[in-house]
PDB file of N, CA and C in Angstrom:
ATOM      1  N   MET A   1      -6.245  -3.690 -10.126  1.00  0.00           N
ATOM      2  CA  MET A   1      -6.680  -5.045 -10.292  1.00  0.00           C
ATOM      3  C   MET A   1      -7.539  -5.162 -11.530  1.00  0.00           C
ATOM      4  N   ALA A   2      -7.020  -4.701 -12.611  1.00  0.00           N
ATOM      5  CA  ALA A   2      -7.736  -4.826 -13.864  1.00  0.00           C
ATOM      6  C   ALA A   2      -7.766  -6.288 -14.251  1.00  0.00           C
ATOM      7  N   GLY A   3      -8.853  -6.721 -14.789  1.00  0.00           N
ATOM      8  CA  GLY A   3      -8.967  -8.096 -15.215  1.00  0.00           C
ATOM      9  C   GLY A   3      -9.753  -8.961 -14.260  1.00  0.00           C
ATOM     10  N   ILE A   4      -9.981  -8.536 -13.040  1.00  0.00           N
ATOM     11  CA  ILE A   4     -10.778  -9.306 -12.108  1.00  0.00           C
ATOM     12  C   ILE A   4     -12.231  -8.992 -12.397  1.00  0.00           C
ATOM     13  N   THR A   5     -12.983 -10.027 -12.659  1.00  0.00           N
ATOM     14  CA  THR A   5     -14.390  -9.815 -12.954  1.00  0.00           C
ATOM     15  C   THR A   5     -15.227 -10.363 -11.825  1.00  0.00           C
ATOM     16  N   ASP A   6     -16.447  -9.967 -11.807  1.00  0.00           N
ATOM     17  CA  ASP A   6     -17.406 -10.432 -10.822  1.00  0.00           C
ATOM     18  C   ASP A   6     -17.741 -11.879 -11.154  1.00  0.00           C
ATOM     19  N   SER A   7     -17.333 -12.824 -10.300  1.00  0.00           N
ATOM     20  CA  SER A   7     -17.530 -14.227 -10.623  1.00  0.00           C
ATOM     21  C   SER A   7     -18.951 -14.688 -10.354  1.00  0.00           C
ATOM     22  N   VAL A   8     -19.762 -13.895  -9.660  1.00  0.00           N
ATOM     23  CA  VAL A   8     -21.124 -14.288  -9.359  1.00  0.00           C
ATOM     24  C   VAL A   8     -22.084 -13.712 -10.394  1.00  0.00           C
ATOM     25  N   GLU A   9     -21.877 -12.497 -10.770  1.00  0.00           N
ATOM     26  CA  GLU A   9     -22.739 -11.843 -11.737  1.00  0.00           C
ATOM     27  C   GLU A   9     -21.961 -11.627 -13.030  1.00  0.00           C
ATOM     28  N   ALA A  10     -22.635 -11.799 -14.153  1.00  0.00           N
ATOM     29  CA  ALA A  10     -21.988 -11.556 -15.436  1.00  0.00           C
ATOM     30  C   ALA A  10     -21.896 -10.057 -15.672  1.00  0.00           C
ATOM     31  N   PRO A  11     -20.790  -9.577 -16.203  1.00  0.00           N
ATOM     32  CA  PRO A  11     -20.676  -8.141 -16.461  1.00  0.00           C
ATOM     33  C   PRO A  11     -21.671  -7.724 -17.546  1.00  0.00           C
ATOM     34  N   GLU A  12     -22.253  -6.570 -17.338  1.00  0.00           N
ATOM     35  CA  GLU A  12     -23.223  -6.069 -18.299  1.00  0.00           C
ATOM     36  C   GLU A  12     -22.496  -5.410 -19.452  1.00  0.00           C
ATOM     37  N   PRO A  13     -23.017  -5.596 -20.660  1.00  0.00           N
ATOM     38  CA  PRO A  13     -22.372  -4.939 -21.796  1.00  0.00           C
ATOM     39  C   PRO A  13     -22.554  -3.437 -21.715  1.00  0.00           C
ATOM     40  N   ARG A  14     -21.537  -2.726 -22.193  1.00  0.00           N
ATOM     41  CA  ARG A  14     -21.614  -1.272 -22.150  1.00  0.00           C
ATOM     42  C   ARG A  14     -22.575  -0.783 -23.217  1.00  0.00           C
ATOM     43  N   GLY A  15     -23.496   0.048 -22.802  1.00  0.00           N
ATOM     44  CA  GLY A  15     -24.474   0.600 -23.733  1.00  0.00           C
ATOM     45  C   GLY A  15     -24.520   2.098 -23.578  1.00  0.00           C
ATOM     46  N   GLU A  16     -25.497   2.689 -24.189  1.00  0.00           N
ATOM     47  CA  GLU A  16     -25.635   4.139 -24.136  1.00  0.00           C
ATOM     48  C   GLU A  16     -26.031   4.612 -22.743  1.00  0.00           C
ATOM     49  N   GLY A  17     -26.855   3.844 -22.038  1.00  0.00           N
ATOM     50  CA  GLY A  17     -27.393   4.320 -20.771  1.00  0.00           C
ATOM     51  C   GLY A  17     -26.575   3.963 -19.547  1.00  0.00           C
ATOM     52  N   THR A  18     -25.470   3.284 -19.709  1.00  0.00           N
ATOM     53  CA  THR A  18     -24.727   2.848 -18.523  1.00  0.00           C
ATOM     54  C   THR A  18     -23.867   3.956 -17.938  1.00  0.00           C
ATOM     55  N   GLY A  19     -23.571   4.969 -18.688  1.00  0.00           N
ATOM     56  CA  GLY A  19     -22.747   6.048 -18.152  1.00  0.00           C
ATOM     57  C   GLY A  19     -21.277   5.715 -18.263  1.00  0.00           C
ATOM     58  N   ARG A  20     -20.472   6.577 -17.699  1.00  0.00           N
ATOM     59  CA  ARG A  20     -19.029   6.437 -17.842  1.00  0.00           C
ATOM     60  C   ARG A  20     -18.467   5.296 -16.998  1.00  0.00           C
ATOM     61  N   ARG A  21     -18.981   5.106 -15.781  1.00  0.00           N
ATOM     62  CA  ARG A  21     -18.407   4.119 -14.883  1.00  0.00           C
ATOM     63  C   ARG A  21     -19.190   2.813 -14.852  1.00  0.00           C
ATOM     64  N   GLY A  22     -20.354   2.752 -15.459  1.00  0.00           N
ATOM     65  CA  GLY A  22     -21.105   1.505 -15.497  1.00  0.00           C
ATOM     66  C   GLY A  22     -21.908   1.284 -14.225  1.00  0.00           C
ATOM     67  N   ARG A  23     -22.329   0.038 -14.059  1.00  0.00           N
ATOM     68  CA  ARG A  23     -23.222  -0.307 -12.951  1.00  0.00           C
ATOM     69  C   ARG A  23     -22.521  -0.300 -11.602  1.00  0.00           C
ATOM     70  N   ARG A  24     -21.221  -0.573 -11.557  1.00  0.00           N
ATOM     71  CA  ARG A  24     -20.501  -0.666 -10.283  1.00  0.00           C
ATOM     72  C   ARG A  24     -20.544   0.636  -9.488  1.00  0.00           C
ATOM     73  N   ALA A  25     -20.609   1.743 -10.158  1.00  0.00           N
ATOM     74  CA  ALA A  25     -20.609   3.023  -9.460  1.00  0.00           C
ATOM     75  C   ALA A  25     -21.893   3.231  -8.665  1.00  0.00           C
ATOM     76  N   LYS A  26     -22.941   2.486  -8.982  1.00  0.00           N
ATOM     77  CA  LYS A  26     -24.225   2.676  -8.318  1.00  0.00           C
ATOM     78  C   LYS A  26     -24.358   1.847  -7.048  1.00  0.00           C
ATOM     79  N   ARG A  27     -23.406   0.962  -6.766  1.00  0.00           N
ATOM     80  CA  ARG A  27     -23.491   0.125  -5.565  1.00  0.00           C
ATOM     81  C   ARG A  27     -23.097   0.934  -4.343  1.00  0.00           C
ATOM     82  N   GLY A  28     -23.874   0.757  -3.292  1.00  0.00           N
ATOM     83  CA  GLY A  28     -23.543   1.402  -2.033  1.00  0.00           C
ATOM     84  C   GLY A  28     -22.591   0.536  -1.239  1.00  0.00           C
ATOM     85  N   PRO A  29     -22.270   0.960  -0.018  1.00  0.00           N
ATOM     86  CA  PRO A  29     -21.332   0.187   0.803  1.00  0.00           C
ATOM     87  C   PRO A  29     -21.836  -1.224   1.114  1.00  0.00           C
ATOM     88  N   LEU A  30     -23.148  -1.370   1.346  1.00  0.00           N
ATOM     89  CA  LEU A  30     -23.667  -2.701   1.647  1.00  0.00           C
ATOM     90  C   LEU A  30     -23.660  -3.580   0.401  1.00  0.00           C
ATOM     91  N   GLY A  31     -23.901  -2.991  -0.751  1.00  0.00           N
ATOM     92  CA  GLY A  31     -23.831  -3.751  -1.996  1.00  0.00           C
ATOM     93  C   GLY A  31     -22.423  -4.223  -2.281  1.00  0.00           C
ATOM     94  N   LYS A  32     -21.438  -3.378  -2.010  1.00  0.00           N
ATOM     95  CA  LYS A  32     -20.038  -3.760  -2.205  1.00  0.00           C
ATOM     96  C   LYS A  32     -19.640  -4.867  -1.230  1.00  0.00           C
ATOM     97  N   LEU A  33     -20.136  -4.771   0.014  1.00  0.00           N
ATOM     98  CA  LEU A  33     -19.845  -5.792   1.009  1.00  0.00           C
ATOM     99  C   LEU A  33     -20.467  -7.125   0.606  1.00  0.00           C
ATOM    100  N   ALA A  34     -21.704  -7.088   0.111  1.00  0.00           N
ATOM    101  CA  ALA A  34     -22.367  -8.316  -0.335  1.00  0.00           C
ATOM    102  C   ALA A  34     -21.630  -8.921  -1.521  1.00  0.00           C
ATOM    103  N   LEU A  35     -21.176  -8.085  -2.454  1.00  0.00           N
ATOM    104  CA  LEU A  35     -20.413  -8.571  -3.606  1.00  0.00           C
ATOM    105  C   LEU A  35     -19.115  -9.221  -3.141  1.00  0.00           C
ATOM    106  N   PHE A  36     -18.425  -8.598  -2.209  1.00  0.00           N
ATOM    107  CA  PHE A  36     -17.182  -9.157  -1.669  1.00  0.00           C
ATOM    108  C   PHE A  36     -17.448 -10.520  -1.040  1.00  0.00           C
ATOM    109  N   TYR A  37     -18.513 -10.624  -0.254  1.00  0.00           N
ATOM    110  CA  TYR A  37     -18.860 -11.879   0.403  1.00  0.00           C
ATOM    111  C   TYR A  37     -19.161 -12.956  -0.635  1.00  0.00           C
ATOM    112  N   ARG A  38     -19.906 -12.638  -1.678  1.00  0.00           N
ATOM    113  CA  ARG A  38     -20.215 -13.613  -2.723  1.00  0.00           C
ATOM    114  C   ARG A  38     -18.948 -14.056  -3.440  1.00  0.00           C
ATOM    115  N   GLN A  39     -18.026 -13.142  -3.669  1.00  0.00           N
ATOM    116  CA  GLN A  39     -16.773 -13.496  -4.330  1.00  0.00           C
ATOM    117  C   GLN A  39     -15.905 -14.380  -3.446  1.00  0.00           C
ATOM    118  N   VAL A  40     -15.896 -14.119  -2.139  1.00  0.00           N
ATOM    119  CA  VAL A  40     -15.129 -14.950  -1.211  1.00  0.00           C
ATOM    120  C   VAL A  40     -15.676 -16.373  -1.217  1.00  0.00           C
ATOM    121  N   ILE A  41     -16.991 -16.515  -1.151  1.00  0.00           N
ATOM    122  CA  ILE A  41     -17.612 -17.845  -1.168  1.00  0.00           C
ATOM    123  C   ILE A  41     -17.306 -18.561  -2.484  1.00  0.00           C
ATOM    124  N   ALA A  42     -17.382 -17.832  -3.603  1.00  0.00           N
ATOM    125  CA  ALA A  42     -17.085 -18.433  -4.910  1.00  0.00           C
ATOM    126  C   ALA A  42     -15.635 -18.909  -4.976  1.00  0.00           C
ATOM    127  N   GLU A  43     -14.695 -18.149  -4.412  1.00  0.00           N
ATOM    128  CA  GLU A  43     -13.290 -18.556  -4.418  1.00  0.00           C
ATOM    129  C   GLU A  43     -13.050 -19.745  -3.495  1.00  0.00           C
ATOM    130  N   LEU A  44     -13.736 -19.784  -2.346  1.00  0.00           N
ATOM    131  CA  LEU A  44     -13.556 -20.900  -1.419  1.00  0.00           C
ATOM    132  C   LEU A  44     -14.071 -22.205  -2.019  1.00  0.00           C
ATOM    133  N   ARG A  45     -15.056 -22.129  -2.907  1.00  0.00           N
ATOM    134  CA  ARG A  45     -15.552 -23.337  -3.564  1.00  0.00           C
ATOM    135  C   ARG A  45     -14.537 -23.897  -4.554  1.00  0.00           C
ATOM    136  N   LYS A  46     -13.598 -23.075  -5.006  1.00  0.00           N
ATOM    137  CA  LYS A  46     -12.574 -23.526  -5.946  1.00  0.00           C
ATOM    138  C   LYS A  46     -11.395 -24.201  -5.247  1.00  0.00           C
ATOM    139  N   VAL A  47     -11.288 -24.060  -3.946  1.00  0.00           N
ATOM    140  CA  VAL A  47     -10.139 -24.568  -3.197  1.00  0.00           C
ATOM    141  C   VAL A  47     -10.176 -26.088  -3.152  1.00  0.00           C
ATOM    142  N   VAL A  48      -9.026 -26.715  -3.369  1.00  0.00           N
ATOM    143  CA  VAL A  48      -8.895 -28.157  -3.209  1.00  0.00           C
ATOM    144  C   VAL A  48      -8.407 -28.397  -1.783  1.00  0.00           C
ATOM    145  N   TRP A  49      -9.298 -28.890  -0.936  1.00  0.00           N
ATOM    146  CA  TRP A  49      -8.970 -29.083   0.464  1.00  0.00           C
ATOM    147  C   TRP A  49      -8.186 -30.377   0.637  1.00  0.00           C
ATOM    148  N   PRO A  50      -7.220 -30.418   1.578  1.00  0.00           N
ATOM    149  CA  PRO A  50      -6.431 -31.641   1.780  1.00  0.00           C
ATOM    150  C   PRO A  50      -7.263 -32.728   2.453  1.00  0.00           C
ATOM    151  N   SER A  51      -6.894 -33.985   2.192  1.00  0.00           N
ATOM    152  CA  SER A  51      -7.559 -35.101   2.859  1.00  0.00           C
ATOM    153  C   SER A  51      -7.061 -35.175   4.309  1.00  0.00           C
ATOM    154  N   ARG A  52      -7.712 -36.010   5.082  1.00  0.00           N
ATOM    155  CA  ARG A  52      -7.301 -36.150   6.487  1.00  0.00           C
ATOM    156  C   ARG A  52      -5.877 -36.709   6.577  1.00  0.00           C
ATOM    157  N   HIS A  53      -5.521 -37.625   5.696  1.00  0.00           N
ATOM    158  CA  HIS A  53      -4.166 -38.197   5.704  1.00  0.00           C
ATOM    159  C   HIS A  53      -3.129 -37.115   5.385  1.00  0.00           C
ATOM    160  N   GLN A  54      -3.385 -36.303   4.364  1.00  0.00           N
ATOM    161  CA  GLN A  54      -2.464 -35.225   4.013  1.00  0.00           C
ATOM    162  C   GLN A  54      -2.351 -34.232   5.160  1.00  0.00           C
ATOM    163  N   LEU A  55      -3.473 -33.922   5.785  1.00  0.00           N
ATOM    164  CA  LEU A  55      -3.473 -32.954   6.882  1.00  0.00           C
ATOM    165  C   LEU A  55      -2.638 -33.447   8.059  1.00  0.00           C
ATOM    166  N   THR A  56      -2.778 -34.731   8.416  1.00  0.00           N
ATOM    167  CA  THR A  56      -1.975 -35.250   9.528  1.00  0.00           C
ATOM    168  C   THR A  56      -0.495 -35.324   9.147  1.00  0.00           C
ATOM    169  N   THR A  57      -0.209 -35.649   7.888  1.00  0.00           N
ATOM    170  CA  THR A  57       1.187 -35.701   7.443  1.00  0.00           C
ATOM    171  C   THR A  57       1.828 -34.319   7.521  1.00  0.00           C
ATOM    172  N   TYR A  58       1.141 -33.312   6.989  1.00  0.00           N
ATOM    173  CA  TYR A  58       1.685 -31.951   7.003  1.00  0.00           C
ATOM    174  C   TYR A  58       1.816 -31.423   8.429  1.00  0.00           C
ATOM    175  N   THR A  59       0.833 -31.706   9.263  1.00  0.00           N
ATOM    176  CA  THR A  59       0.881 -31.239  10.651  1.00  0.00           C
ATOM    177  C   THR A  59       2.052 -31.881  11.389  1.00  0.00           C
ATOM    178  N   THR A  60       2.251 -33.183  11.186  1.00  0.00           N
ATOM    179  CA  THR A  60       3.372 -33.877  11.821  1.00  0.00           C
ATOM    180  C   THR A  60       4.708 -33.311  11.344  1.00  0.00           C
ATOM    181  N   ALA A  61       4.813 -33.037  10.051  1.00  0.00           N
ATOM    182  CA  ALA A  61       6.061 -32.479   9.516  1.00  0.00           C
ATOM    183  C   ALA A  61       6.355 -31.112  10.129  1.00  0.00           C
ATOM    184  N   VAL A  62       5.330 -30.285  10.278  1.00  0.00           N
ATOM    185  CA  VAL A  62       5.531 -28.954  10.861  1.00  0.00           C
ATOM    186  C   VAL A  62       5.935 -29.063  12.327  1.00  0.00           C
ATOM    187  N   ILE A  63       5.283 -29.941  13.081  1.00  0.00           N
ATOM    188  CA  ILE A  63       5.608 -30.082  14.502  1.00  0.00           C
ATOM    189  C   ILE A  63       7.028 -30.611  14.674  1.00  0.00           C
ATOM    190  N   VAL A  64       7.443 -31.595  13.867  1.00  0.00           N
ATOM    191  CA  VAL A  64       8.811 -32.127  13.957  1.00  0.00           C
ATOM    192  C   VAL A  64       9.819 -31.035  13.608  1.00  0.00           C
ATOM    193  N   PHE A  65       9.546 -30.265  12.546  1.00  0.00           N
ATOM    194  CA  PHE A  65      10.450 -29.190  12.158  1.00  0.00           C
ATOM    195  C   PHE A  65      10.591 -28.166  13.287  1.00  0.00           C
ATOM    196  N   VAL A  66       9.486 -27.787  13.895  1.00  0.00           N
ATOM    197  CA  VAL A  66       9.530 -26.804  14.982  1.00  0.00           C
ATOM    198  C   VAL A  66      10.323 -27.352  16.165  1.00  0.00           C
ATOM    199  N   LEU A  67      10.126 -28.619  16.496  1.00  0.00           N
ATOM    200  CA  LEU A  67      10.868 -29.204  17.616  1.00  0.00           C
ATOM    201  C   LEU A  67      12.365 -29.262  17.322  1.00  0.00           C
ATOM    202  N   VAL A  68      12.738 -29.594  16.083  1.00  0.00           N
ATOM    203  CA  VAL A  68      14.156 -29.614  15.709  1.00  0.00           C
ATOM    204  C   VAL A  68      14.746 -28.212  15.821  1.00  0.00           C
ATOM    205  N   MET A  69      14.016 -27.208  15.332  1.00  0.00           N
ATOM    206  CA  MET A  69      14.504 -25.830  15.412  1.00  0.00           C
ATOM    207  C   MET A  69      14.626 -25.371  16.869  1.00  0.00           C
ATOM    208  N   ILE A  70      13.686 -25.772  17.704  1.00  0.00           N
ATOM    209  CA  ILE A  70      13.782 -25.434  19.134  1.00  0.00           C
ATOM    210  C   ILE A  70      15.052 -26.050  19.723  1.00  0.00           C
ATOM    211  N   GLY A  71      15.335 -27.300  19.370  1.00  0.00           N
ATOM    212  CA  GLY A  71      16.545 -27.958  19.875  1.00  0.00           C
ATOM    213  C   GLY A  71      17.805 -27.253  19.413  1.00  0.00           C
ATOM    214  N   ILE A  72      17.864 -26.903  18.130  1.00  0.00           N
ATOM    215  CA  ILE A  72      19.047 -26.212  17.598  1.00  0.00           C
ATOM    216  C   ILE A  72      19.250 -24.873  18.285  1.00  0.00           C
ATOM    217  N   LEU A  73      18.193 -24.104  18.408  1.00  0.00           N
ATOM    218  CA  LEU A  73      18.318 -22.785  19.041  1.00  0.00           C
ATOM    219  C   LEU A  73      18.646 -22.890  20.527  1.00  0.00           C
ATOM    220  N   THR A  74      18.138 -23.916  21.179  1.00  0.00           N
ATOM    221  CA  THR A  74      18.470 -24.114  22.600  1.00  0.00           C
ATOM    222  C   THR A  74      19.953 -24.403  22.760  1.00  0.00           C
ATOM    223  N   VAL A  75      20.496 -25.268  21.917  1.00  0.00           N
ATOM    224  CA  VAL A  75      21.930 -25.600  21.986  1.00  0.00           C
ATOM    225  C   VAL A  75      22.777 -24.371  21.663  1.00  0.00           C
ATOM    226  N   LEU A  76      22.396 -23.631  20.625  1.00  0.00           N
ATOM    227  CA  LEU A  76      23.144 -22.413  20.284  1.00  0.00           C
ATOM    228  C   LEU A  76      23.089 -21.390  21.419  1.00  0.00           C
ATOM    229  N   ASP A  77      21.925 -21.214  22.016  1.00  0.00           N
ATOM    230  CA  ASP A  77      21.788 -20.266  23.129  1.00  0.00           C
ATOM    231  C   ASP A  77      22.652 -20.687  24.307  1.00  0.00           C
ATOM    232  N   TRP A  78      22.625 -21.973  24.628  1.00  0.00           N
ATOM    233  CA  TRP A  78      23.447 -22.464  25.734  1.00  0.00           C
ATOM    234  C   TRP A  78      24.943 -22.285  25.413  1.00  0.00           C
ATOM    235  N   GLY A  79      25.327 -22.591  24.163  1.00  0.00           N
ATOM    236  CA  GLY A  79      26.728 -22.459  23.770  1.00  0.00           C
ATOM    237  C   GLY A  79      27.198 -21.013  23.821  1.00  0.00           C
ATOM    238  N   PHE A  80      26.404 -20.093  23.296  1.00  0.00           N
ATOM    239  CA  PHE A  80      26.781 -18.673  23.361  1.00  0.00           C
ATOM    240  C   PHE A  80      26.818 -18.178  24.806  1.00  0.00           C
ATOM    241  N   GLY A  81      25.928 -18.689  25.631  1.00  0.00           N
ATOM    242  CA  GLY A  81      25.949 -18.318  27.052  1.00  0.00           C
ATOM    243  C   GLY A  81      27.226 -18.773  27.728  1.00  0.00           C
ATOM    244  N   GLU A  82      27.664 -19.990  27.405  1.00  0.00           N
ATOM    245  CA  GLU A  82      28.915 -20.504  27.969  1.00  0.00           C
ATOM    246  C   GLU A  82      30.115 -19.690  27.485  1.00  0.00           C
ATOM    247  N   VAL A  83      30.115 -19.298  26.215  1.00  0.00           N
ATOM    248  CA  VAL A  83      31.196 -18.485  25.661  1.00  0.00           C
ATOM    249  C   VAL A  83      31.234 -17.118  26.353  1.00  0.00           C
ATOM    250  N   VAL A  84      30.087 -16.505  26.547  1.00  0.00           N
ATOM    251  CA  VAL A  84      30.028 -15.197  27.212  1.00  0.00           C
ATOM    252  C   VAL A  84      30.495 -15.316  28.657  1.00  0.00           C
ATOM    253  N   ASP A  85      30.092 -16.408  29.347  1.00  0.00           N
ATOM    254  CA  ASP A  85      30.561 -16.617  30.718  1.00  0.00           C
ATOM    255  C   ASP A  85      32.081 -16.815  30.767  1.00  0.00           C
ATOM    256  N   TYR A  86      32.646 -17.517  29.813  1.00  0.00           N
ATOM    257  CA  TYR A  86      34.079 -17.744  29.760  1.00  0.00           C
ATOM    258  C   TYR A  86      34.833 -16.437  29.491  1.00  0.00           C
ATOM    259  N   VAL A  87      34.306 -15.625  28.538  1.00  0.00           N
ATOM    260  CA  VAL A  87      34.998 -14.393  28.160  1.00  0.00           C
ATOM    261  C   VAL A  87      34.849 -13.323  29.239  1.00  0.00           C
ATOM    262  N   PHE A  88      33.646 -13.123  29.751  1.00  0.00           N
ATOM    263  CA  PHE A  88      33.388 -12.016  30.684  1.00  0.00           C
ATOM    264  C   PHE A  88      33.276 -12.460  32.115  1.00  0.00           C
ATOM    265  N   GLY A  89      33.246 -13.725  32.375  1.00  0.00           N
ATOM    266  CA  GLY A  89      32.979 -14.174  33.731  1.00  0.00           C
ATOM    267  C   GLY A  89      34.185 -14.581  34.444  1.00  0.00           C
TER     268      GLY A  89
END
C-alpha cells in the first residue's frame, strides 16, 4: 500500500536522525491502533451520506428486487419439482 499517507498527521521529513524506517517503526501496538482509528474517522468524514429520500428509494428498490427474485425462484422450484415427479413418480 505504497502511497497511503497518514491523513491525520503530516509525514515528517527524512533527516539524519530518523533512521532507516522513520518514525512509524517506533509506534507500539496501541499507537498503531490509535492511528488506524484516526484514519477511519477521517475517511468517514469524507463519505457523502444519502438523504432520507434516497435511502427510502434504494431500500424500496432492493426489497422489490428481492421479492421478484423470490417469486421467480419459487416458480422455478415448483416447476422442477413437477418435472421430477412426472419423470420419476
